[in-house]
Amino acid sequence: MATVDECRQALQDLAARLEHNAETVREHVDLDRTLACRVSDLETAFHGRLTGGRLIGLTDGDDPKAKIAMTTTSDDLIALVRGDLDVTRAVASRRVSVKANPFDLMKLRKLL
């Protein structure tokens, strides 16, 4: 099981990658939504905002009103961010749960 710090770092790494590729991402994914990432085995969460191809304002804690909510385990979160776990397969096998409106889900597929 990964630690809270490892999960936080993985999300910060994802934010840095998105920042580096913001122009390219923005061309494919036009989203401005709040995001919550819930880590079930650690009983913790993180939240931020996806906007302009970037993940900004990433901080500890849940956002129960987030427009996009992802729930997974710590190890699966790390594997997703590293690219070791395919998000489509993870969702299909219920290792990852994503709650969002259908149009946002289609846009997120391009991002992930």
PDB file of N, CA and C in Angstrom:
ATOM      1  N   MET A   1       0.840  -1.171   0.000  1.00  0.00           N
ATOM      2  CA  MET A   1       0.000   0.000   0.000  1.00  0.00           C
ATOM      3  C   MET A   1       0.890   1.242   0.000  1.00  0.00           C
ATOM      4  N   ALA A   2       0.567   2.169  -0.915  1.00  0.00           N
ATOM      5  CA  ALA A   2       1.308   3.429  -0.986  1.00  0.00           C
ATOM      6  C   ALA A   2       0.884   4.337   0.165  1.00  0.00           C
ATOM      7  N   THR A   3       1.697   5.320   0.449  1.00  0.00           N
ATOM      8  CA  THR A   3       1.400   6.257   1.538  1.00  0.00           C
ATOM      9  C   THR A   3       0.644   7.470   1.001  1.00  0.00           C
ATOM     10  N   VAL A   4       0.114   8.261   1.917  1.00  0.00           N
ATOM     11  CA  VAL A   4      -0.552   9.506   1.547  1.00  0.00           C
ATOM     12  C   VAL A   4       0.435  10.419   0.823  1.00  0.00           C
ATOM     13  N   ASP A   5       1.657  10.490   1.310  1.00  0.00           N
ATOM     14  CA  ASP A   5       2.670  11.337   0.671  1.00  0.00           C
ATOM     15  C   ASP A   5       2.979  10.875  -0.748  1.00  0.00           C
ATOM     16  N   GLU A   6       3.042   9.562  -0.964  1.00  0.00           N
ATOM     17  CA  GLU A   6       3.291   9.039  -2.313  1.00  0.00           C
ATOM     18  C   GLU A   6       2.130   9.358  -3.252  1.00  0.00           C
ATOM     19  N   CYS A   7       0.918   9.285  -2.748  1.00  0.00           N
ATOM     20  CA  CYS A   7      -0.256   9.632  -3.558  1.00  0.00           C
ATOM     21  C   CYS A   7      -0.256  11.120  -3.892  1.00  0.00           C
ATOM     22  N   ARG A   8       0.034  11.945  -2.904  1.00  0.00           N
ATOM     23  CA  ARG A   8       0.115  13.392  -3.115  1.00  0.00           C
ATOM     24  C   ARG A   8       1.178  13.703  -4.172  1.00  0.00           C
ATOM     25  N   GLN A   9       2.335  13.058  -4.062  1.00  0.00           N
ATOM     26  CA  GLN A   9       3.410  13.292  -5.022  1.00  0.00           C
ATOM     27  C   GLN A   9       3.011  12.838  -6.429  1.00  0.00           C
ATOM     28  N   ALA A  10       2.320  11.709  -6.530  1.00  0.00           N
ATOM     29  CA  ALA A  10       1.869  11.232  -7.835  1.00  0.00           C
ATOM     30  C   ALA A  10       0.930  12.241  -8.485  1.00  0.00           C
ATOM     31  N   LEU A  11       0.018  12.805  -7.715  1.00  0.00           N
ATOM     32  CA  LEU A  11      -0.899  13.804  -8.260  1.00  0.00           C
ATOM     33  C   LEU A  11      -0.161  15.090  -8.621  1.00  0.00           C
ATOM     34  N   GLN A  12       0.838  15.454  -7.834  1.00  0.00           N
ATOM     35  CA  GLN A  12       1.648  16.628  -8.175  1.00  0.00           C
ATOM     36  C   GLN A  12       2.444  16.380  -9.449  1.00  0.00           C
ATOM     37  N   ASP A  13       2.926  15.155  -9.630  1.00  0.00           N
ATOM     38  CA  ASP A  13       3.635  14.797 -10.868  1.00  0.00           C
ATOM     39  C   ASP A  13       2.696  14.890 -12.066  1.00  0.00           C
ATOM     40  N   LEU A  14       1.463  14.410 -11.887  1.00  0.00           N
ATOM     41  CA  LEU A  14       0.466  14.507 -12.955  1.00  0.00           C
ATOM     42  C   LEU A  14       0.191  15.969 -13.286  1.00  0.00           C
ATOM     43  N   ALA A  15       0.036  16.796 -12.270  1.00  0.00           N
ATOM     44  CA  ALA A  15      -0.198  18.226 -12.488  1.00  0.00           C
ATOM     45  C   ALA A  15       0.966  18.861 -13.246  1.00  0.00           C
ATOM     46  N   ALA A  16       2.187  18.474 -12.908  1.00  0.00           N
ATOM     47  CA  ALA A  16       3.372  19.015 -13.591  1.00  0.00           C
ATOM     48  C   ALA A  16       3.403  18.584 -15.055  1.00  0.00           C
ATOM     49  N   ARG A  17       3.051  17.331 -15.325  1.00  0.00           N
ATOM     50  CA  ARG A  17       3.004  16.850 -16.712  1.00  0.00           C
ATOM     51  C   ARG A  17       1.953  17.597 -17.510  1.00  0.00           C
ATOM     52  N   LEU A  18       0.783  17.795 -16.908  1.00  0.00           N
ATOM     53  CA  LEU A  18      -0.276  18.533 -17.587  1.00  0.00           C
ATOM     54  C   LEU A  18       0.152  19.972 -17.844  1.00  0.00           C
ATOM     55  N   GLU A  19       0.815  20.578 -16.877  1.00  0.00           N
ATOM     56  CA  GLU A  19       1.307  21.943 -17.036  1.00  0.00           C
ATOM     57  C   GLU A  19       2.291  22.029 -18.203  1.00  0.00           C
ATOM     58  N   HIS A  20       3.179  21.057 -18.270  1.00  0.00           N
ATOM     59  CA  HIS A  20       4.183  21.018 -19.336  1.00  0.00           C
ATOM     60  C   HIS A  20       3.534  20.869 -20.712  1.00  0.00           C
ATOM     61  N   ASN A  21       2.417  20.148 -20.762  1.00  0.00           N
ATOM     62  CA  ASN A  21       1.729  19.879 -22.028  1.00  0.00           C
ATOM     63  C   ASN A  21       0.403  20.625 -22.150  1.00  0.00           C
ATOM     64  N   ALA A  22       0.235  21.708 -21.420  1.00  0.00           N
ATOM     65  CA  ALA A  22      -1.058  22.396 -21.335  1.00  0.00           C
ATOM     66  C   ALA A  22      -1.601  22.826 -22.693  1.00  0.00           C
ATOM     67  N   GLU A  23      -0.748  23.348 -23.537  1.00  0.00           N
ATOM     68  CA  GLU A  23      -1.228  23.807 -24.850  1.00  0.00           C
ATOM     69  C   GLU A  23      -1.792  22.649 -25.661  1.00  0.00           C
ATOM     70  N   THR A  24      -1.079  21.538 -25.690  1.00  0.00           N
ATOM     71  CA  THR A  24      -1.542  20.367 -26.428  1.00  0.00           C
ATOM     72  C   THR A  24      -2.804  19.791 -25.807  1.00  0.00           C
ATOM     73  N   VAL A  25      -2.823  19.682 -24.487  1.00  0.00           N
ATOM     74  CA  VAL A  25      -3.980  19.119 -23.790  1.00  0.00           C
ATOM     75  C   VAL A  25      -5.201  19.991 -24.017  1.00  0.00           C
ATOM     76  N   ARG A  26      -5.036  21.294 -23.924  1.00  0.00           N
ATOM     77  CA  ARG A  26      -6.159  22.216 -24.079  1.00  0.00           C
ATOM     78  C   ARG A  26      -6.818  22.063 -25.450  1.00  0.00           C
ATOM     79  N   GLU A  27      -6.019  21.756 -26.490  1.00  0.00           N
ATOM     80  CA  GLU A  27      -6.580  21.554 -27.821  1.00  0.00           C
ATOM     81  C   GLU A  27      -7.537  20.369 -27.852  1.00  0.00           C
ATOM     82  N   HIS A  28      -7.275  19.354 -27.031  1.00  0.00           N
ATOM     83  CA  HIS A  28      -8.077  18.129 -27.041  1.00  0.00           C
ATOM     84  C   HIS A  28      -9.103  18.064 -25.924  1.00  0.00           C
ATOM     85  N   VAL A  29      -8.841  18.736 -24.826  1.00  0.00           N
ATOM     86  CA  VAL A  29      -9.704  18.633 -23.656  1.00  0.00           C
ATOM     87  C   VAL A  29     -10.021  20.029 -23.129  1.00  0.00           C
ATOM     88  N   ASP A  30     -11.226  20.488 -23.424  1.00  0.00           N
ATOM     89  CA  ASP A  30     -11.658  21.795 -22.955  1.00  0.00           C
ATOM     90  C   ASP A  30     -12.563  21.593 -21.748  1.00  0.00           C
ATOM     91  N   LEU A  31     -11.961  21.527 -20.567  1.00  0.00           N
ATOM     92  CA  LEU A  31     -12.699  21.302 -19.328  1.00  0.00           C
ATOM     93  C   LEU A  31     -12.390  22.394 -18.322  1.00  0.00           C
ATOM     94  N   ASP A  32     -13.378  22.741 -17.549  1.00  0.00           N
ATOM     95  CA  ASP A  32     -13.182  23.601 -16.388  1.00  0.00           C
ATOM     96  C   ASP A  32     -14.078  23.018 -15.304  1.00  0.00           C
ATOM     97  N   ARG A  33     -13.526  22.074 -14.553  1.00  0.00           N
ATOM     98  CA  ARG A  33     -14.322  21.328 -13.576  1.00  0.00           C
ATOM     99  C   ARG A  33     -13.522  21.107 -12.294  1.00  0.00           C
ATOM    100  N   THR A  34     -14.243  21.068 -11.193  1.00  0.00           N
ATOM    101  CA  THR A  34     -13.627  20.673  -9.933  1.00  0.00           C
ATOM    102  C   THR A  34     -13.433  19.164  -9.957  1.00  0.00           C
ATOM    103  N   LEU A  35     -12.386  18.722  -9.285  1.00  0.00           N
ATOM    104  CA  LEU A  35     -12.002  17.314  -9.306  1.00  0.00           C
ATOM    105  C   LEU A  35     -11.679  16.853  -7.891  1.00  0.00           C
ATOM    106  N   ALA A  36     -12.190  15.695  -7.538  1.00  0.00           N
ATOM    107  CA  ALA A  36     -11.840  15.062  -6.260  1.00  0.00           C
ATOM    108  C   ALA A  36     -11.254  13.691  -6.566  1.00  0.00           C
ATOM    109  N   CYS A  37     -10.183  13.360  -5.886  1.00  0.00           N
ATOM    110  CA  CYS A  37      -9.555  12.050  -6.003  1.00  0.00           C
ATOM    111  C   CYS A  37      -9.589  11.419  -4.620  1.00  0.00           C
ATOM    112  N   ARG A  38     -10.389  10.385  -4.481  1.00  0.00           N
ATOM    113  CA  ARG A  38     -10.569   9.721  -3.188  1.00  0.00           C
ATOM    114  C   ARG A  38      -9.781   8.424  -3.173  1.00  0.00           C
ATOM    115  N   VAL A  39      -8.948   8.267  -2.155  1.00  0.00           N
ATOM    116  CA  VAL A  39      -8.079   7.105  -2.029  1.00  0.00           C
ATOM    117  C   VAL A  39      -8.681   6.225  -0.928  1.00  0.00           C
ATOM    118  N   SER A  40      -9.367   5.177  -1.360  1.00  0.00           N
ATOM    119  CA  SER A  40     -10.206   4.394  -0.446  1.00  0.00           C
ATOM    120  C   SER A  40      -9.431   3.663   0.644  1.00  0.00           C
ATOM    121  N   ASP A  41      -8.285   3.073   0.316  1.00  0.00           N
ATOM    122  CA  ASP A  41      -7.572   2.287   1.327  1.00  0.00           C
ATOM    123  C   ASP A  41      -6.860   3.156   2.363  1.00  0.00           C
ATOM    124  N   LEU A  42      -6.651   4.426   2.052  1.00  0.00           N
ATOM    125  CA  LEU A  42      -6.014   5.338   3.007  1.00  0.00           C
ATOM    126  C   LEU A  42      -7.033   6.257   3.674  1.00  0.00           C
ATOM    127  N   GLU A  43      -8.270   6.130   3.251  1.00  0.00           N
ATOM    128  CA  GLU A  43      -9.342   6.981   3.771  1.00  0.00           C
ATOM    129  C   GLU A  43      -8.947   8.454   3.730  1.00  0.00           C
ATOM    130  N   THR A  44      -8.443   8.870   2.576  1.00  0.00           N
ATOM    131  CA  THR A  44      -8.037  10.255   2.370  1.00  0.00           C
ATOM    132  C   THR A  44      -8.487  10.694   0.990  1.00  0.00           C
ATOM    133  N   ALA A  45      -8.355  11.968   0.722  1.00  0.00           N
ATOM    134  CA  ALA A  45      -8.749  12.503  -0.574  1.00  0.00           C
ATOM    135  C   ALA A  45      -7.932  13.748  -0.884  1.00  0.00           C
ATOM    136  N   PHE A  46      -7.960  14.108  -2.150  1.00  0.00           N
ATOM    137  CA  PHE A  46      -7.316  15.315  -2.653  1.00  0.00           C
ATOM    138  C   PHE A  46      -8.306  15.979  -3.597  1.00  0.00           C
ATOM    139  N   HIS A  47      -8.169  17.274  -3.759  1.00  0.00           N
ATOM    140  CA  HIS A  47      -9.039  17.936  -4.722  1.00  0.00           C
ATOM    141  C   HIS A  47      -8.316  19.108  -5.376  1.00  0.00           C
ATOM    142  N   GLY A  48      -8.833  19.475  -6.535  1.00  0.00           N
ATOM    143  CA  GLY A  48      -8.269  20.576  -7.298  1.00  0.00           C
ATOM    144  C   GLY A  48      -9.235  20.946  -8.404  1.00  0.00           C
ATOM    145  N   ARG A  49      -8.711  21.565  -9.443  1.00  0.00           N
ATOM    146  CA  ARG A  49      -9.542  21.992 -10.563  1.00  0.00           C
ATOM    147  C   ARG A  49      -8.810  21.698 -11.868  1.00  0.00           C
ATOM    148  N   LEU A  50      -9.525  21.091 -12.803  1.00  0.00           N
ATOM    149  CA  LEU A  50      -9.031  20.908 -14.164  1.00  0.00           C
ATOM    150  C   LEU A  50      -9.507  22.091 -14.987  1.00  0.00           C
ATOM    151  N   THR A  51      -8.574  22.859 -15.506  1.00  0.00           N
ATOM    152  CA  THR A  51      -8.941  24.019 -16.310  1.00  0.00           C
ATOM    153  C   THR A  51      -7.800  24.361 -17.265  1.00  0.00           C
ATOM    154  N   GLY A  52      -8.163  24.715 -18.479  1.00  0.00           N
ATOM    155  CA  GLY A  52      -7.161  25.129 -19.452  1.00  0.00           C
ATOM    156  C   GLY A  52      -6.073  24.098 -19.693  1.00  0.00           C
ATOM    157  N   GLY A  53      -6.415  22.811 -19.592  1.00  0.00           N
ATOM    158  CA  GLY A  53      -5.423  21.760 -19.789  1.00  0.00           C
ATOM    159  C   GLY A  53      -4.505  21.556 -18.602  1.00  0.00           C
ATOM    160  N   ARG A  54      -4.827  22.178 -17.472  1.00  0.00           N
ATOM    161  CA  ARG A  54      -3.992  22.103 -16.273  1.00  0.00           C
ATOM    162  C   ARG A  54      -4.783  21.548 -15.097  1.00  0.00           C
ATOM    163  N   LEU A  55      -4.064  21.006 -14.141  1.00  0.00           N
ATOM    164  CA  LEU A  55      -4.629  20.612 -12.852  1.00  0.00           C
ATOM    165  C   LEU A  55      -4.065  21.598 -11.841  1.00  0.00           C
ATOM    166  N   ILE A  56      -4.931  22.471 -11.326  1.00  0.00           N
ATOM    167  CA  ILE A  56      -4.463  23.544 -10.442  1.00  0.00           C
ATOM    168  C   ILE A  56      -5.107  23.424  -9.069  1.00  0.00           C
ATOM    169  N   GLY A  57      -4.500  24.098  -8.109  1.00  0.00           N
ATOM    170  CA  GLY A  57      -5.061  24.170  -6.761  1.00  0.00           C
ATOM    171  C   GLY A  57      -5.156  22.833  -6.066  1.00  0.00           C
ATOM    172  N   LEU A  58      -4.266  21.916  -6.384  1.00  0.00           N
ATOM    173  CA  LEU A  58      -4.290  20.582  -5.793  1.00  0.00           C
ATOM    174  C   LEU A  58      -3.967  20.667  -4.305  1.00  0.00           C
ATOM    175  N   THR A  59      -4.869  20.150  -3.494  1.00  0.00           N
ATOM    176  CA  THR A  59      -4.686  20.216  -2.049  1.00  0.00           C
ATOM    177  C   THR A  59      -5.301  18.992  -1.383  1.00  0.00           C
ATOM    178  N   ASP A  60      -4.967  18.782  -0.136  1.00  0.00           N
ATOM    179  CA  ASP A  60      -5.517  17.666   0.635  1.00  0.00           C
ATOM    180  C   ASP A  60      -6.977  17.932   0.966  1.00  0.00           C
ATOM    181  N   GLY A  61      -7.718  16.860   1.117  1.00  0.00           N
ATOM    182  CA  GLY A  61      -9.113  16.946   1.523  1.00  0.00           C
ATOM    183  C   GLY A  61     -10.058  16.667   0.375  1.00  0.00           C
ATOM    184  N   ASP A  62     -11.260  16.307   0.731  1.00  0.00           N
ATOM    185  CA  ASP A  62     -12.288  15.973  -0.250  1.00  0.00           C
ATOM    186  C   ASP A  62     -13.050  17.231  -0.661  1.00  0.00           C
ATOM    187  N   ASP A  63     -13.679  17.156  -1.799  1.00  0.00           N
ATOM    188  CA  ASP A  63     -14.630  18.173  -2.246  1.00  0.00           C
ATOM    189  C   ASP A  63     -15.905  17.436  -2.606  1.00  0.00           C
ATOM    190  N   PRO A  64     -16.847  17.345  -1.672  1.00  0.00           N
ATOM    191  CA  PRO A  64     -18.062  16.578  -1.933  1.00  0.00           C
ATOM    192  C   PRO A  64     -18.898  17.129  -3.090  1.00  0.00           C
ATOM    193  N   LYS A  65     -18.651  18.373  -3.489  1.00  0.00           N
ATOM    194  CA  LYS A  65     -19.399  18.976  -4.595  1.00  0.00           C
ATOM    195  C   LYS A  65     -18.637  18.918  -5.919  1.00  0.00           C
ATOM    196  N   ALA A  66     -17.522  18.202  -5.950  1.00  0.00           N
ATOM    197  CA  ALA A  66     -16.702  18.124  -7.164  1.00  0.00           C
ATOM    198  C   ALA A  66     -17.524  17.581  -8.333  1.00  0.00           C
ATOM    199  N   LYS A  67     -17.341  18.181  -9.483  1.00  0.00           N
ATOM    200  CA  LYS A  67     -18.060  17.743 -10.691  1.00  0.00           C
ATOM    201  C   LYS A  67     -17.519  16.426 -11.231  1.00  0.00           C
ATOM    202  N   ILE A  68     -16.249  16.149 -10.937  1.00  0.00           N
ATOM    203  CA  ILE A  68     -15.620  14.891 -11.333  1.00  0.00           C
ATOM    204  C   ILE A  68     -15.023  14.272 -10.080  1.00  0.00           C
ATOM    205  N   ALA A  69     -15.385  13.033  -9.792  1.00  0.00           N
ATOM    206  CA  ALA A  69     -14.875  12.351  -8.600  1.00  0.00           C
ATOM    207  C   ALA A  69     -14.334  10.983  -8.995  1.00  0.00           C
ATOM    208  N   MET A  70     -13.088  10.747  -8.642  1.00  0.00           N
ATOM    209  CA  MET A  70     -12.446   9.464  -8.917  1.00  0.00           C
ATOM    210  C   MET A  70     -12.142   8.794  -7.586  1.00  0.00           C
ATOM    211  N   THR A  71     -12.447   7.509  -7.498  1.00  0.00           N
ATOM    212  CA  THR A  71     -12.144   6.733  -6.305  1.00  0.00           C
ATOM    213  C   THR A  71     -11.320   5.526  -6.713  1.00  0.00           C
ATOM    214  N   THR A  72     -10.230   5.296  -5.994  1.00  0.00           N
ATOM    215  CA  THR A  72      -9.358   4.159  -6.271  1.00  0.00           C
ATOM    216  C   THR A  72      -8.502   3.889  -5.040  1.00  0.00           C
ATOM    217  N   THR A  73      -7.703   2.852  -5.108  1.00  0.00           N
ATOM    218  CA  THR A  73      -6.767   2.558  -4.021  1.00  0.00           C
ATOM    219  C   THR A  73      -5.463   3.320  -4.262  1.00  0.00           C
ATOM    220  N   SER A  74      -4.649   3.386  -3.241  1.00  0.00           N
ATOM    221  CA  SER A  74      -3.381   4.106  -3.343  1.00  0.00           C
ATOM    222  C   SER A  74      -2.462   3.486  -4.404  1.00  0.00           C
ATOM    223  N   ASP A  75      -2.337   2.171  -4.406  1.00  0.00           N
ATOM    224  CA  ASP A  75      -1.467   1.520  -5.386  1.00  0.00           C
ATOM    225  C   ASP A  75      -1.963   1.722  -6.810  1.00  0.00           C
ATOM    226  N   ASP A  76      -3.283   1.664  -7.001  1.00  0.00           N
ATOM    227  CA  ASP A  76      -3.828   1.868  -8.342  1.00  0.00           C
ATOM    228  C   ASP A  76      -3.671   3.317  -8.795  1.00  0.00           C
ATOM    229  N   LEU A  77      -3.773   4.265  -7.877  1.00  0.00           N
ATOM    230  CA  LEU A  77      -3.543   5.668  -8.219  1.00  0.00           C
ATOM    231  C   LEU A  77      -2.116   5.862  -8.713  1.00  0.00           C
ATOM    232  N   ILE A  78      -1.166   5.312  -7.984  1.00  0.00           N
ATOM    233  CA  ILE A  78       0.246   5.417  -8.379  1.00  0.00           C
ATOM    234  C   ILE A  78       0.452   4.774  -9.753  1.00  0.00           C
ATOM    235  N   ALA A  79      -0.113   3.589  -9.957  1.00  0.00           N
ATOM    236  CA  ALA A  79       0.032   2.882 -11.236  1.00  0.00           C
ATOM    237  C   ALA A  79      -0.609   3.667 -12.382  1.00  0.00           C
ATOM    238  N   LEU A  80      -1.755   4.284 -12.145  1.00  0.00           N
ATOM    239  CA  LEU A  80      -2.404   5.095 -13.179  1.00  0.00           C
ATOM    240  C   LEU A  80      -1.528   6.267 -13.587  1.00  0.00           C
ATOM    241  N   VAL A  81      -1.021   6.981 -12.622  1.00  0.00           N
ATOM    242  CA  VAL A  81      -0.211   8.166 -12.911  1.00  0.00           C
ATOM    243  C   VAL A  81       1.086   7.784 -13.617  1.00  0.00           C
ATOM    244  N   ARG A  82       1.680   6.678 -13.226  1.00  0.00           N
ATOM    245  CA  ARG A  82       2.924   6.214 -13.867  1.00  0.00           C
ATOM    246  C   ARG A  82       2.688   5.657 -15.265  1.00  0.00           C
ATOM    247  N   GLY A  83       1.439   5.319 -15.568  1.00  0.00           N
ATOM    248  CA  GLY A  83       1.128   4.721 -16.866  1.00  0.00           C
ATOM    249  C   GLY A  83       1.215   3.208 -16.853  1.00  0.00           C
ATOM    250  N   ASP A  84       1.347   2.626 -15.661  1.00  0.00           N
ATOM    251  CA  ASP A  84       1.429   1.170 -15.536  1.00  0.00           C
ATOM    252  C   ASP A  84       0.059   0.502 -15.535  1.00  0.00           C
ATOM    253  N   LEU A  85      -0.999   1.280 -15.371  1.00  0.00           N
ATOM    254  CA  LEU A  85      -2.365   0.770 -15.330  1.00  0.00           C
ATOM    255  C   LEU A  85      -3.197   1.555 -16.326  1.00  0.00           C
ATOM    256  N   ASP A  86      -3.809   0.861 -17.265  1.00  0.00           N
ATOM    257  CA  ASP A  86      -4.662   1.483 -18.280  1.00  0.00           C
ATOM    258  C   ASP A  86      -5.980   1.902 -17.637  1.00  0.00           C
ATOM    259  N   VAL A  87      -6.337   3.163 -17.788  1.00  0.00           N
ATOM    260  CA  VAL A  87      -7.531   3.681 -17.121  1.00  0.00           C
ATOM    261  C   VAL A  87      -8.806   3.002 -17.608  1.00  0.00           C
ATOM    262  N   THR A  88      -8.897   2.698 -18.885  1.00  0.00           N
ATOM    263  CA  THR A  88     -10.100   2.049 -19.405  1.00  0.00           C
ATOM    264  C   THR A  88     -10.275   0.675 -18.789  1.00  0.00           C
ATOM    265  N   ARG A  89      -9.215  -0.080 -18.728  1.00  0.00           N
ATOM    266  CA  ARG A  89      -9.284  -1.411 -18.103  1.00  0.00           C
ATOM    267  C   ARG A  89      -9.545  -1.304 -16.602  1.00  0.00           C
ATOM    268  N   ALA A  90      -8.952  -0.312 -15.968  1.00  0.00           N
ATOM    269  CA  ALA A  90      -9.147  -0.133 -14.528  1.00  0.00           C
ATOM    270  C   ALA A  90     -10.604   0.199 -14.205  1.00  0.00           C
ATOM    271  N   VAL A  91     -11.221   1.023 -15.030  1.00  0.00           N
ATOM    272  CA  VAL A  91     -12.632   1.351 -14.825  1.00  0.00           C
ATOM    273  C   VAL A  91     -13.495   0.125 -15.112  1.00  0.00           C
ATOM    274  N   ALA A  92     -13.190  -0.579 -16.197  1.00  0.00           N
ATOM    275  CA  ALA A  92     -13.976  -1.765 -16.558  1.00  0.00           C
ATOM    276  C   ALA A  92     -13.901  -2.846 -15.486  1.00  0.00           C
ATOM    277  N   SER A  93     -12.744  -2.970 -14.846  1.00  0.00           N
ATOM    278  CA  SER A  93     -12.578  -3.990 -13.815  1.00  0.00           C
ATOM    279  C   SER A  93     -12.957  -3.469 -12.421  1.00  0.00           C
ATOM    280  N   ARG A  94     -13.451  -2.248 -12.361  1.00  0.00           N
ATOM    281  CA  ARG A  94     -13.903  -1.602 -11.118  1.00  0.00           C
ATOM    282  C   ARG A  94     -12.768  -1.331 -10.121  1.00  0.00           C
ATOM    283  N   ARG A  95     -11.560  -1.252 -10.624  1.00  0.00           N
ATOM    284  CA  ARG A  95     -10.446  -0.850  -9.764  1.00  0.00           C
ATOM    285  C   ARG A  95     -10.443   0.659  -9.580  1.00  0.00           C
ATOM    286  N   VAL A  96     -11.070   1.346 -10.525  1.00  0.00           N
ATOM    287  CA  VAL A  96     -11.209   2.799 -10.479  1.00  0.00           C
ATOM    288  C   VAL A  96     -12.662   3.132 -10.777  1.00  0.00           C
ATOM    289  N   SER A  97     -13.204   4.045  -9.995  1.00  0.00           N
ATOM    290  CA  SER A  97     -14.559   4.536 -10.215  1.00  0.00           C
ATOM    291  C   SER A  97     -14.475   6.019 -10.528  1.00  0.00           C
ATOM    292  N   VAL A  98     -15.113   6.434 -11.611  1.00  0.00           N
ATOM    293  CA  VAL A  98     -15.144   7.851 -11.975  1.00  0.00           C
ATOM    294  C   VAL A  98     -16.600   8.271 -12.098  1.00  0.00           C
ATOM    295  N   LYS A  99     -16.957   9.286 -11.330  1.00  0.00           N
ATOM    296  CA  LYS A  99     -18.311   9.836 -11.393  1.00  0.00           C
ATOM    297  C   LYS A  99     -18.226  11.219 -12.014  1.00  0.00           C
ATOM    298  N   ALA A 100     -18.904  11.359 -13.149  1.00  0.00           N
ATOM    299  CA  ALA A 100     -18.941  12.630 -13.867  1.00  0.00           C
ATOM    300  C   ALA A 100     -20.076  12.540 -14.871  1.00  0.00           C
ATOM    301  N   ASN A 101     -20.449  13.671 -15.424  1.00  0.00           N
ATOM    302  CA  ASN A 101     -21.493  13.580 -16.449  1.00  0.00           C
ATOM    303  C   ASN A 101     -20.890  12.941 -17.696  1.00  0.00           C
ATOM    304  N   PRO A 102     -21.716  12.315 -18.534  1.00  0.00           N
ATOM    305  CA  PRO A 102     -21.200  11.551 -19.686  1.00  0.00           C
ATOM    306  C   PRO A 102     -20.324  12.367 -20.630  1.00  0.00           C
ATOM    307  N   PHE A 103     -20.644  13.630 -20.830  1.00  0.00           N
ATOM    308  CA  PHE A 103     -19.840  14.449 -21.735  1.00  0.00           C
ATOM    309  C   PHE A 103     -18.444  14.701 -21.158  1.00  0.00           C
ATOM    310  N   ASP A 104     -18.367  14.910 -19.856  1.00  0.00           N
ATOM    311  CA  ASP A 104     -17.067  15.082 -19.208  1.00  0.00           C
ATOM    312  C   ASP A 104     -16.255  13.792 -19.266  1.00  0.00           C
ATOM    313  N   LEU A 105     -16.928  12.656 -19.119  1.00  0.00           N
ATOM    314  CA  LEU A 105     -16.229  11.364 -19.203  1.00  0.00           C
ATOM    315  C   LEU A 105     -15.575  11.183 -20.568  1.00  0.00           C
ATOM    316  N   MET A 106     -16.277  11.574 -21.622  1.00  0.00           N
ATOM    317  CA  MET A 106     -15.705  11.445 -22.966  1.00  0.00           C
ATOM    318  C   MET A 106     -14.467  12.334 -23.105  1.00  0.00           C
ATOM    319  N   LYS A 107     -14.525  13.538 -22.552  1.00  0.00           N
ATOM    320  CA  LYS A 107     -13.373  14.434 -22.605  1.00  0.00           C
ATOM    321  C   LYS A 107     -12.220  13.910 -21.754  1.00  0.00           C
ATOM    322  N   LEU A 108     -12.551  13.344 -20.597  1.00  0.00           N
ATOM    323  CA  LEU A 108     -11.510  12.811 -19.708  1.00  0.00           C
ATOM    324  C   LEU A 108     -10.751  11.661 -20.346  1.00  0.00           C
ATOM    325  N   ARG A 109     -11.412  10.862 -21.155  1.00  0.00           N
ATOM    326  CA  ARG A 109     -10.736   9.739 -21.823  1.00  0.00           C
ATOM    327  C   ARG A 109      -9.562  10.242 -22.632  1.00  0.00           C
ATOM    328  N   LYS A 110      -9.715  11.398 -23.243  1.00  0.00           N
ATOM    329  CA  LYS A 110      -8.623  11.984 -24.035  1.00  0.00           C
ATOM    330  C   LYS A 110      -7.463  12.416 -23.126  1.00  0.00           C
ATOM    331  N   LEU A 111      -7.815  12.864 -21.936  1.00  0.00           N
ATOM    332  CA  LEU A 111      -6.807  13.344 -21.005  1.00  0.00           C
ATOM    333  C   LEU A 111      -6.026  12.191 -20.403  1.00  0.00           C
ATOM    334  N   LEU A 112      -6.718  11.110 -20.057  1.00  0.00           N
ATOM    335  CA  LEU A 112      -6.082   9.990 -19.384  1.00  0.00           C
ATOM    336  C   LEU A 112      -5.556   9.013 -20.402  1.00  0.00           C
TER     337      LEU A 112
END
